[in-house]
N, C-alpha and C. Protein backbone atom coordinates (compact mmCIF):
# COMPACT_ATOMS: atom_id res chain seq x y z
N MET A 1 14.32 -43.66 -82.58
CA MET A 1 14.56 -44.11 -81.08
C MET A 1 15.27 -42.79 -80.50
N LYS A 2 16.19 -42.29 -81.18
CA LYS A 2 16.99 -41.22 -80.44
C LYS A 2 16.20 -39.88 -80.50
N HIS A 3 14.85 -39.76 -81.40
CA HIS A 3 14.43 -38.67 -81.81
C HIS A 3 13.19 -38.62 -80.67
N ILE A 4 12.80 -39.99 -80.09
CA ILE A 4 12.34 -39.79 -78.99
C ILE A 4 12.37 -39.20 -77.79
N LYS A 5 13.72 -39.52 -77.42
CA LYS A 5 14.56 -39.19 -76.33
C LYS A 5 14.87 -37.61 -76.44
N TYR A 6 14.67 -36.78 -77.58
CA TYR A 6 14.67 -35.92 -77.73
C TYR A 6 13.45 -35.15 -77.23
N ILE A 7 12.69 -35.55 -77.98
CA ILE A 7 10.98 -34.94 -77.54
C ILE A 7 10.80 -35.44 -76.12
N PHE A 8 11.02 -36.42 -75.56
CA PHE A 8 10.55 -36.87 -74.04
C PHE A 8 11.20 -35.45 -73.23
N ILE A 9 12.65 -35.44 -73.74
CA ILE A 9 13.56 -34.21 -72.86
C ILE A 9 12.64 -33.06 -72.81
N THR A 10 12.67 -32.49 -74.02
CA THR A 10 11.79 -31.10 -74.52
C THR A 10 10.66 -31.02 -73.78
N VAL A 11 10.04 -32.21 -73.42
CA VAL A 11 8.58 -32.34 -73.12
C VAL A 11 8.93 -32.00 -71.72
N LEU A 12 10.43 -32.65 -71.21
CA LEU A 12 10.32 -32.28 -69.62
C LEU A 12 10.72 -31.40 -69.17
N ALA A 13 11.31 -30.38 -69.76
CA ALA A 13 11.94 -29.30 -69.83
C ALA A 13 10.73 -27.99 -70.00
N LEU A 14 10.09 -28.22 -70.77
CA LEU A 14 8.88 -27.23 -70.85
C LEU A 14 7.72 -27.32 -69.91
N LEU A 15 7.28 -28.63 -69.11
CA LEU A 15 6.76 -28.79 -68.02
C LEU A 15 7.53 -28.44 -66.83
N ALA A 16 8.63 -28.76 -66.67
CA ALA A 16 9.60 -27.87 -65.52
C ALA A 16 9.45 -26.15 -65.29
N PHE A 17 9.68 -25.87 -66.69
CA PHE A 17 9.54 -24.25 -66.55
C PHE A 17 8.31 -23.75 -66.66
N ASN A 18 6.82 -24.57 -66.73
CA ASN A 18 6.18 -24.04 -67.09
C ASN A 18 5.22 -24.02 -65.45
N ILE A 19 5.73 -25.23 -64.56
CA ILE A 19 5.57 -25.41 -63.21
C ILE A 19 6.27 -24.24 -62.42
N GLN A 20 7.52 -23.67 -62.61
CA GLN A 20 7.96 -22.72 -62.09
C GLN A 20 7.58 -21.67 -62.54
N ALA A 21 6.99 -20.81 -63.61
CA ALA A 21 6.12 -19.92 -64.00
C ALA A 21 4.97 -20.17 -63.39
N GLN A 22 4.51 -20.75 -62.90
CA GLN A 22 3.08 -21.04 -61.63
C GLN A 22 3.33 -20.62 -60.41
N THR A 23 4.40 -20.69 -59.60
CA THR A 23 4.84 -21.01 -58.63
C THR A 23 4.20 -19.92 -57.96
N HIS A 24 4.62 -18.56 -58.74
CA HIS A 24 3.88 -17.40 -57.53
C HIS A 24 3.91 -16.66 -59.08
N PRO A 25 2.40 -16.70 -59.75
CA PRO A 25 2.14 -15.97 -61.05
C PRO A 25 1.34 -14.66 -60.68
N GLY A 26 1.66 -13.76 -61.54
CA GLY A 26 0.86 -12.31 -61.19
C GLY A 26 1.59 -11.48 -60.94
N PRO A 27 1.02 -9.88 -61.26
CA PRO A 27 2.12 -9.03 -60.90
C PRO A 27 2.41 -8.53 -59.46
N VAL A 28 1.54 -9.39 -58.59
CA VAL A 28 2.78 -8.96 -57.02
C VAL A 28 3.72 -9.12 -57.05
N LYS A 29 4.69 -8.52 -56.27
CA LYS A 29 5.97 -8.24 -56.47
C LYS A 29 6.65 -9.20 -54.94
N TRP A 30 6.33 -10.41 -55.11
CA TRP A 30 5.95 -11.46 -53.74
C TRP A 30 7.98 -11.53 -53.47
N MET A 31 8.00 -11.88 -52.07
CA MET A 31 9.04 -12.24 -51.57
C MET A 31 9.29 -13.24 -50.09
N THR A 32 10.17 -13.26 -49.85
CA THR A 32 10.06 -13.93 -48.74
C THR A 32 9.99 -13.75 -47.67
N PHE A 33 9.82 -14.08 -46.37
CA PHE A 33 9.45 -13.80 -45.54
C PHE A 33 11.13 -12.67 -44.75
N GLU A 34 12.39 -13.67 -44.85
CA GLU A 34 13.26 -13.03 -45.14
C GLU A 34 13.76 -11.78 -45.38
N GLU A 35 13.00 -11.82 -46.71
CA GLU A 35 13.65 -10.77 -47.60
C GLU A 35 13.02 -9.32 -46.88
N ALA A 36 11.23 -9.94 -46.70
CA ALA A 36 10.88 -8.62 -45.80
C ALA A 36 11.33 -8.36 -44.96
N VAL A 37 11.85 -8.41 -43.96
CA VAL A 37 12.25 -8.51 -42.63
C VAL A 37 13.79 -7.44 -43.09
N GLU A 38 14.55 -8.52 -44.28
CA GLU A 38 15.71 -7.52 -44.38
C GLU A 38 15.30 -5.91 -45.02
N LYS A 39 14.14 -5.88 -46.02
CA LYS A 39 14.00 -4.48 -46.33
C LYS A 39 13.07 -3.78 -45.53
N SER A 40 12.49 -4.29 -44.38
CA SER A 40 11.94 -3.51 -43.43
C SER A 40 13.29 -2.38 -42.55
N LYS A 41 14.25 -3.45 -42.75
CA LYS A 41 15.40 -2.60 -41.78
C LYS A 41 15.95 -0.83 -42.15
N THR A 42 15.57 -0.87 -43.54
CA THR A 42 15.59 0.17 -44.16
C THR A 42 14.48 1.01 -44.87
N GLU A 43 13.25 0.34 -45.30
CA GLU A 43 12.42 1.16 -45.33
C GLU A 43 11.12 0.53 -44.83
N LYS A 44 10.43 1.32 -43.60
CA LYS A 44 9.52 0.54 -42.70
C LYS A 44 8.06 0.05 -43.52
N ARG A 45 7.48 -0.92 -43.74
CA ARG A 45 6.01 -0.88 -44.35
C ARG A 45 5.41 -1.80 -43.97
N LYS A 46 3.94 -2.33 -44.07
CA LYS A 46 3.13 -3.49 -43.11
C LYS A 46 3.56 -4.35 -44.05
N ILE A 47 3.44 -5.95 -44.07
CA ILE A 47 3.43 -7.07 -44.32
C ILE A 47 2.17 -7.28 -44.66
N PHE A 48 1.87 -8.23 -45.58
CA PHE A 48 1.11 -9.43 -46.01
C PHE A 48 2.16 -10.51 -46.32
N ILE A 49 1.17 -11.54 -45.90
CA ILE A 49 2.02 -12.68 -46.18
C ILE A 49 0.59 -13.67 -46.38
N ASP A 50 0.59 -14.55 -47.37
CA ASP A 50 0.24 -15.19 -48.16
C ASP A 50 0.57 -16.74 -47.68
N VAL A 51 -0.04 -16.81 -46.54
CA VAL A 51 0.21 -18.36 -46.40
C VAL A 51 -0.73 -19.71 -46.81
N TYR A 52 -0.16 -20.35 -47.49
CA TYR A 52 -0.77 -21.13 -48.81
C TYR A 52 0.52 -22.87 -48.78
N THR A 53 -0.51 -23.75 -48.74
CA THR A 53 0.43 -24.75 -49.01
C THR A 53 -0.06 -25.41 -51.12
N ASP A 54 1.31 -26.13 -51.46
CA ASP A 54 1.28 -26.62 -52.38
C ASP A 54 0.07 -27.74 -53.31
N TRP A 55 -0.47 -27.84 -52.02
CA TRP A 55 -1.64 -29.21 -52.14
C TRP A 55 -3.30 -28.32 -52.20
N CYS A 56 -2.87 -26.79 -51.90
CA CYS A 56 -4.14 -26.38 -51.91
C CYS A 56 -4.94 -25.50 -52.69
N GLY A 57 -6.07 -26.22 -53.74
CA GLY A 57 -6.60 -25.94 -54.44
C GLY A 57 -7.32 -24.48 -54.35
N TRP A 58 -8.19 -24.13 -53.47
CA TRP A 58 -8.63 -22.19 -53.12
C TRP A 58 -7.36 -21.61 -53.61
N CYS A 59 -5.90 -21.69 -52.82
CA CYS A 59 -4.61 -20.91 -52.68
C CYS A 59 -4.49 -20.73 -54.31
N LYS A 60 -4.72 -21.69 -54.76
CA LYS A 60 -4.05 -21.66 -56.47
C LYS A 60 -5.27 -20.69 -56.88
N VAL A 61 -6.29 -20.90 -56.53
CA VAL A 61 -7.50 -20.16 -57.27
C VAL A 61 -7.22 -18.54 -57.24
N MET A 62 -6.91 -18.61 -55.56
CA MET A 62 -6.61 -17.14 -55.23
C MET A 62 -5.42 -16.72 -55.94
N ASP A 63 -4.78 -16.86 -56.43
CA ASP A 63 -3.39 -16.62 -57.02
C ASP A 63 -3.97 -16.21 -58.51
N LYS A 64 -4.66 -17.06 -58.78
CA LYS A 64 -4.94 -17.06 -60.09
C LYS A 64 -6.28 -15.57 -60.23
N GLN A 65 -6.92 -16.03 -59.28
CA GLN A 65 -8.34 -14.73 -59.75
C GLN A 65 -8.33 -13.56 -58.66
N THR A 66 -7.31 -13.67 -57.87
CA THR A 66 -6.82 -12.35 -56.60
C THR A 66 -5.69 -11.49 -56.92
N PHE A 67 -4.50 -12.07 -56.66
CA PHE A 67 -4.03 -11.64 -56.41
C PHE A 67 -2.91 -11.52 -58.08
N SER A 68 -3.74 -11.95 -58.88
CA SER A 68 -3.55 -11.48 -60.04
C SER A 68 -4.48 -9.85 -60.69
N ASN A 69 -5.09 -9.66 -59.53
CA ASN A 69 -5.79 -8.40 -60.47
C ASN A 69 -5.17 -7.52 -60.40
N GLU A 70 -5.25 -6.64 -60.85
CA GLU A 70 -4.19 -4.96 -61.31
C GLU A 70 -4.83 -4.25 -59.61
N TYR A 71 -5.69 -4.21 -59.59
CA TYR A 71 -6.07 -3.22 -58.68
C TYR A 71 -5.40 -3.41 -56.86
N ILE A 72 -5.78 -5.06 -56.79
CA ILE A 72 -5.27 -5.58 -55.28
C ILE A 72 -3.44 -5.55 -55.37
N ALA A 73 -3.25 -6.25 -57.04
CA ALA A 73 -1.40 -5.82 -56.97
C ALA A 73 -1.02 -4.78 -56.81
N LYS A 74 -1.89 -3.52 -57.41
CA LYS A 74 -0.81 -2.16 -57.06
C LYS A 74 -0.83 -1.87 -55.45
N VAL A 75 -2.16 -1.98 -54.69
CA VAL A 75 -1.90 -1.78 -53.48
C VAL A 75 -1.44 -2.69 -52.50
N LEU A 76 -1.20 -3.56 -53.08
CA LEU A 76 0.12 -4.47 -52.28
C LEU A 76 1.35 -4.59 -52.63
N ASN A 77 1.76 -3.99 -53.70
CA ASN A 77 2.90 -3.38 -54.06
C ASN A 77 3.06 -1.82 -53.66
N GLU A 78 2.63 -1.08 -53.22
CA GLU A 78 2.48 0.13 -53.03
C GLU A 78 2.81 0.45 -51.05
N ASN A 79 1.80 -0.55 -50.91
CA ASN A 79 1.89 -0.56 -49.38
C ASN A 79 2.24 -1.60 -48.25
N PHE A 80 2.90 -2.54 -48.93
CA PHE A 80 2.96 -3.87 -48.28
C PHE A 80 4.38 -4.63 -48.79
N TYR A 81 5.04 -4.82 -47.72
CA TYR A 81 5.99 -6.08 -48.24
C TYR A 81 5.16 -7.42 -48.16
N ALA A 82 4.85 -8.08 -49.78
CA ALA A 82 4.07 -9.09 -49.71
C ALA A 82 4.93 -10.44 -49.99
N VAL A 83 4.90 -11.49 -48.96
CA VAL A 83 5.35 -12.50 -48.69
C VAL A 83 4.63 -13.31 -48.73
N LYS A 84 4.95 -14.34 -49.72
CA LYS A 84 4.43 -16.02 -49.96
C LYS A 84 5.19 -17.22 -49.01
N LEU A 85 4.06 -17.11 -47.78
CA LEU A 85 4.88 -18.19 -47.18
C LEU A 85 4.15 -19.86 -47.26
N ASP A 86 5.00 -20.46 -47.62
CA ASP A 86 4.60 -22.37 -47.75
C ASP A 86 4.20 -22.71 -46.48
N ALA A 87 3.13 -23.48 -45.60
CA ALA A 87 2.89 -23.41 -44.65
C ALA A 87 3.35 -25.00 -44.26
N GLU A 88 4.07 -25.61 -45.35
CA GLU A 88 5.02 -26.57 -45.17
C GLU A 88 6.36 -27.30 -45.44
N GLN A 89 6.86 -25.35 -45.97
CA GLN A 89 8.29 -25.24 -46.46
C GLN A 89 9.31 -26.18 -45.26
N LYS A 90 10.34 -27.03 -45.40
CA LYS A 90 11.25 -27.54 -44.38
C LYS A 90 12.49 -26.24 -43.97
N ALA A 91 12.88 -25.57 -44.58
CA ALA A 91 13.50 -24.49 -44.03
C ALA A 91 13.72 -23.78 -43.05
N ASN A 92 14.16 -23.51 -42.24
CA ASN A 92 14.11 -23.06 -40.99
C ASN A 92 13.93 -21.44 -40.92
N ILE A 93 13.59 -20.88 -40.60
CA ILE A 93 13.19 -19.19 -40.46
C ILE A 93 13.70 -18.75 -39.44
N GLU A 94 14.29 -17.31 -39.73
CA GLU A 94 14.75 -16.97 -38.15
C GLU A 94 14.67 -15.66 -37.76
N PHE A 95 13.76 -15.32 -36.79
CA PHE A 95 13.39 -13.89 -36.56
C PHE A 95 13.09 -13.53 -35.39
N ARG A 96 13.59 -12.42 -34.90
CA ARG A 96 13.33 -12.18 -33.39
C ARG A 96 13.84 -13.26 -32.57
N GLY A 97 15.23 -13.57 -32.74
CA GLY A 97 15.71 -14.33 -31.56
C GLY A 97 15.22 -16.25 -31.67
N THR A 98 13.85 -16.38 -32.92
CA THR A 98 13.46 -17.51 -32.67
C THR A 98 13.70 -18.25 -33.70
N THR A 99 14.20 -19.64 -34.11
CA THR A 99 14.31 -20.28 -34.89
C THR A 99 12.79 -21.37 -35.05
N PHE A 100 12.13 -20.70 -36.38
CA PHE A 100 11.00 -21.36 -36.66
C PHE A 100 11.63 -22.56 -37.14
N LYS A 101 10.85 -23.60 -37.47
CA LYS A 101 10.92 -24.99 -38.15
C LYS A 101 10.10 -25.93 -38.64
N PHE A 102 10.01 -26.48 -39.56
CA PHE A 102 8.98 -27.34 -39.72
C PHE A 102 8.76 -28.41 -39.08
N VAL A 103 7.85 -29.17 -38.55
CA VAL A 103 7.21 -30.00 -37.69
C VAL A 103 6.49 -30.97 -38.59
N PRO A 104 6.74 -32.09 -38.49
CA PRO A 104 6.16 -33.67 -39.23
C PRO A 104 4.95 -33.41 -38.28
N SER A 105 3.58 -33.74 -39.20
CA SER A 105 2.75 -33.93 -38.48
C SER A 105 2.03 -35.17 -39.62
N GLY A 106 1.36 -36.03 -39.49
CA GLY A 106 0.46 -36.41 -40.09
C GLY A 106 0.94 -37.04 -41.46
N ASN A 107 0.71 -36.40 -42.32
CA ASN A 107 1.09 -37.16 -44.03
C ASN A 107 2.18 -36.07 -44.30
N ASN A 108 2.00 -34.72 -44.03
CA ASN A 108 2.61 -33.87 -44.10
C ASN A 108 3.06 -32.63 -43.21
N GLY A 109 2.76 -31.84 -42.49
CA GLY A 109 3.80 -31.89 -41.46
C GLY A 109 2.76 -29.71 -41.46
N TYR A 110 3.80 -29.03 -40.98
CA TYR A 110 3.45 -27.90 -41.09
C TYR A 110 4.90 -26.99 -40.44
N HIS A 111 5.03 -25.28 -40.77
CA HIS A 111 6.02 -24.70 -40.82
C HIS A 111 5.63 -24.14 -39.15
N GLN A 112 6.63 -24.15 -38.52
CA GLN A 112 6.37 -23.31 -37.23
C GLN A 112 5.96 -22.00 -37.23
N LEU A 113 6.19 -21.46 -37.99
CA LEU A 113 6.17 -19.60 -38.19
C LEU A 113 4.50 -19.61 -38.58
N ALA A 114 4.15 -20.50 -39.93
CA ALA A 114 2.53 -20.54 -40.61
C ALA A 114 1.88 -20.72 -38.77
N ALA A 115 2.05 -21.68 -38.24
CA ALA A 115 1.29 -21.45 -37.06
C ALA A 115 0.92 -20.87 -36.30
N SER A 116 2.30 -20.19 -35.96
CA SER A 116 2.66 -18.92 -35.31
C SER A 116 1.51 -18.02 -35.70
N LEU A 117 1.46 -17.01 -37.45
CA LEU A 117 1.25 -16.23 -37.56
C LEU A 117 -0.67 -16.39 -37.37
N LEU A 118 -0.87 -18.23 -37.56
CA LEU A 118 -2.15 -18.78 -38.22
C LEU A 118 -2.92 -18.67 -36.54
N ASN A 119 -2.39 -18.84 -35.61
CA ASN A 119 -3.16 -18.83 -33.82
C ASN A 119 -3.15 -20.30 -34.16
N GLY A 120 -2.26 -21.21 -34.86
CA GLY A 120 -2.75 -22.85 -34.60
C GLY A 120 -3.31 -22.86 -35.31
N LYS A 121 -4.61 -21.97 -35.62
CA LYS A 121 -5.61 -22.16 -37.15
C LYS A 121 -4.64 -22.96 -38.49
N LEU A 122 -4.33 -24.15 -38.51
CA LEU A 122 -3.69 -24.26 -40.19
C LEU A 122 -5.14 -24.48 -40.76
N SER A 123 -5.40 -22.93 -41.60
CA SER A 123 -6.24 -23.18 -42.77
C SER A 123 -5.95 -22.00 -43.80
N TYR A 124 -6.07 -23.00 -45.31
CA TYR A 124 -5.46 -22.10 -46.41
C TYR A 124 -6.47 -22.00 -47.25
N PRO A 125 -6.73 -21.23 -48.01
CA PRO A 125 -5.42 -19.81 -47.78
C PRO A 125 -5.68 -19.49 -46.58
N THR A 126 -5.17 -18.87 -45.79
CA THR A 126 -5.05 -17.49 -45.03
C THR A 126 -4.15 -16.63 -45.42
N VAL A 127 -4.28 -15.26 -45.37
CA VAL A 127 -4.13 -13.71 -45.65
C VAL A 127 -3.62 -13.29 -44.12
N VAL A 128 -2.03 -12.72 -43.95
CA VAL A 128 -2.22 -12.42 -42.64
C VAL A 128 -1.50 -10.90 -42.81
N PHE A 129 -2.29 -10.05 -42.29
CA PHE A 129 -1.46 -8.68 -41.87
C PHE A 129 -0.90 -8.16 -40.72
N LEU A 130 0.47 -7.81 -41.16
CA LEU A 130 1.02 -7.45 -40.28
C LEU A 130 1.48 -5.73 -40.02
N ASP A 131 1.49 -5.23 -39.03
CA ASP A 131 1.85 -3.83 -39.22
C ASP A 131 3.95 -3.92 -39.35
N GLU A 132 4.34 -2.49 -39.48
CA GLU A 132 5.72 -1.86 -39.68
C GLU A 132 6.44 -2.59 -38.55
N ASP A 133 5.96 -3.10 -37.30
CA ASP A 133 6.90 -3.62 -36.73
C ASP A 133 6.77 -5.13 -36.51
N PHE A 134 5.95 -5.62 -37.35
CA PHE A 134 5.71 -7.31 -37.24
C PHE A 134 4.80 -7.47 -36.75
N ASN A 135 3.95 -6.83 -35.78
CA ASN A 135 2.72 -6.89 -34.91
C ASN A 135 1.54 -7.16 -35.76
N MET A 136 0.73 -8.79 -35.31
CA MET A 136 -0.18 -9.16 -35.86
C MET A 136 -1.24 -7.86 -35.77
N LEU A 137 -1.65 -7.72 -37.24
CA LEU A 137 -2.93 -6.63 -37.58
C LEU A 137 -4.07 -7.29 -37.62
N GLN A 138 -4.10 -8.13 -38.92
CA GLN A 138 -5.73 -9.29 -38.68
C GLN A 138 -4.86 -10.87 -39.58
N PRO A 139 -5.66 -11.42 -39.59
CA PRO A 139 -5.58 -12.65 -40.22
C PRO A 139 -6.52 -13.18 -40.76
N LEU A 140 -6.97 -14.07 -42.08
CA LEU A 140 -8.18 -13.70 -43.10
C LEU A 140 -7.99 -14.84 -43.30
N PRO A 141 -8.21 -15.99 -42.96
CA PRO A 141 -8.76 -17.05 -43.62
C PRO A 141 -9.96 -17.26 -44.56
N GLY A 142 -9.67 -18.09 -45.57
CA GLY A 142 -10.48 -18.19 -47.01
C GLY A 142 -10.00 -17.99 -47.76
N PHE A 143 -10.97 -18.24 -49.23
CA PHE A 143 -10.54 -17.88 -50.18
C PHE A 143 -11.38 -16.08 -50.29
N GLN A 144 -10.56 -15.50 -51.04
CA GLN A 144 -10.98 -14.32 -51.30
C GLN A 144 -11.44 -13.68 -52.21
N LYS A 145 -12.88 -13.34 -53.23
CA LYS A 145 -12.81 -12.97 -54.25
C LYS A 145 -12.32 -11.36 -54.68
N PRO A 146 -11.89 -11.61 -55.54
CA PRO A 146 -10.95 -10.04 -55.67
C PRO A 146 -11.92 -8.83 -55.23
N GLU A 147 -13.09 -8.99 -55.44
CA GLU A 147 -13.96 -7.37 -55.48
C GLU A 147 -14.20 -8.01 -53.64
N GLU A 148 -14.27 -8.75 -53.07
CA GLU A 148 -14.43 -8.82 -52.17
C GLU A 148 -13.20 -8.37 -51.11
N PHE A 149 -12.17 -8.54 -51.59
CA PHE A 149 -10.86 -8.94 -50.79
C PHE A 149 -10.62 -7.19 -51.03
N TYR A 150 -10.79 -6.46 -51.81
CA TYR A 150 -9.97 -5.05 -52.38
C TYR A 150 -10.30 -4.11 -51.49
N PRO A 151 -11.66 -3.62 -51.01
CA PRO A 151 -11.87 -2.88 -49.97
C PRO A 151 -10.80 -3.34 -48.87
N ILE A 152 -11.25 -4.52 -48.42
CA ILE A 152 -10.27 -4.81 -47.13
C ILE A 152 -8.39 -4.25 -47.02
N VAL A 153 -7.94 -4.50 -48.60
CA VAL A 153 -6.42 -4.24 -48.28
C VAL A 153 -6.32 -2.79 -48.33
N LYS A 154 -7.61 -2.01 -49.02
CA LYS A 154 -7.29 -0.71 -49.41
C LYS A 154 -7.41 -0.18 -47.90
N TYR A 155 -8.74 -0.94 -47.20
CA TYR A 155 -8.67 -0.67 -45.51
C TYR A 155 -7.24 -0.60 -45.10
N ILE A 156 -7.15 -1.56 -44.66
CA ILE A 156 -5.52 -2.16 -44.11
C ILE A 156 -4.08 -0.81 -44.81
N GLY A 157 -4.24 -1.21 -46.34
CA GLY A 157 -3.07 -0.88 -46.89
C GLY A 157 -2.87 0.70 -46.53
N GLY A 158 -4.06 1.56 -46.85
CA GLY A 158 -3.96 3.07 -46.18
C GLY A 158 -4.54 3.55 -45.15
N ASN A 159 -3.90 2.73 -43.97
CA ASN A 159 -4.05 2.39 -42.38
C ASN A 159 -5.48 3.52 -42.14
N HIS A 160 -6.54 3.43 -42.93
CA HIS A 160 -7.62 3.77 -42.11
C HIS A 160 -8.44 2.76 -41.63
N PHE A 161 -7.80 1.48 -41.18
CA PHE A 161 -7.98 0.90 -39.96
C PHE A 161 -7.62 2.09 -38.65
N LYS A 162 -6.72 2.83 -38.68
CA LYS A 162 -6.20 3.70 -37.10
C LYS A 162 -7.41 4.53 -36.68
N THR A 163 -8.39 5.31 -38.30
CA THR A 163 -8.99 6.20 -37.64
C THR A 163 -10.83 5.77 -37.93
N VAL A 164 -10.98 4.99 -38.58
CA VAL A 164 -12.58 4.90 -38.86
C VAL A 164 -12.63 3.04 -39.16
N LYS A 165 -13.71 3.17 -38.02
CA LYS A 165 -14.24 1.55 -38.20
C LYS A 165 -14.40 1.22 -39.37
N TRP A 166 -14.38 -0.72 -39.68
CA TRP A 166 -14.49 -1.02 -40.65
C TRP A 166 -15.96 -0.91 -41.62
N GLU A 167 -17.24 -0.92 -40.56
CA GLU A 167 -18.12 -0.94 -41.09
C GLU A 167 -18.69 0.88 -41.46
N GLU A 168 -17.92 1.56 -41.09
CA GLU A 168 -18.08 2.78 -41.38
C GLU A 168 -17.55 3.32 -43.52
N TYR A 169 -16.09 2.36 -43.25
CA TYR A 169 -15.52 2.51 -44.28
C TYR A 169 -15.68 1.80 -45.23
N LYS A 170 -16.64 0.52 -44.88
CA LYS A 170 -17.34 -0.54 -46.05
C LYS A 170 -18.62 0.25 -46.28
N GLY A 171 -19.18 1.13 -45.83
CA GLY A 171 -20.29 1.85 -45.87
C GLY A 171 -19.60 2.79 -47.17
N LYS A 172 -18.94 3.63 -47.06
CA LYS A 172 -18.17 5.01 -47.83
C LYS A 172 -17.63 4.45 -49.11
N PHE A 173 -16.87 3.37 -49.12
CA PHE A 173 -15.91 2.36 -50.47
C PHE A 173 -17.14 2.94 -51.41
N ILE A 174 -15.71 3.36 -52.05
CA ILE A 174 -16.53 2.70 -53.84
C ILE A 174 -15.61 2.03 -54.77
N SER A 175 -16.40 0.77 -55.03
CA SER A 175 -15.05 -0.27 -55.48
C SER A 175 -15.13 0.15 -57.01
N PRO A 176 -13.92 0.06 -57.57
CA PRO A 176 -13.64 -0.29 -58.83
C PRO A 176 -14.33 -1.53 -59.80
N PHE A 177 -14.90 -2.71 -58.99
CA PHE A 177 -15.58 -3.41 -59.57
C PHE A 177 -16.68 -3.32 -59.96
């Protein structure tokens, strides 16, 4: 009986470790929103926010397929502060004199910062691009395959959006895929 108890505890520990390892998989250097705000005080960068929920299947697929891609991770790590934002997190977030809170609603609820970033359209996954001063550049809802997402993240990450229209950029873009 004692051996079964140890096996049970070992299995639980391994499951907990596995769940922790899967929380933010891949080579992207993820941080919290607060960490991105703090880092931007010393080095300005655009902000990339992955707005997700724990129950969102497509969010998990995007983590596994898109954010684990070496090309995408490289662009995100070099050009952005990459943020993971749980759209249902309970912790408050202070930003620019406003306290964003969790709002209970239905079975789960939502975080006010997520709702603000998504313009009230709570759809997951949605990624959000902000400029160096935290102004909205572009929200992009839905699952993005790596080969579709790469030109977008290069376009915004490389500041091409400031001088070239998207259609022109996309027409000349040479993909590594």
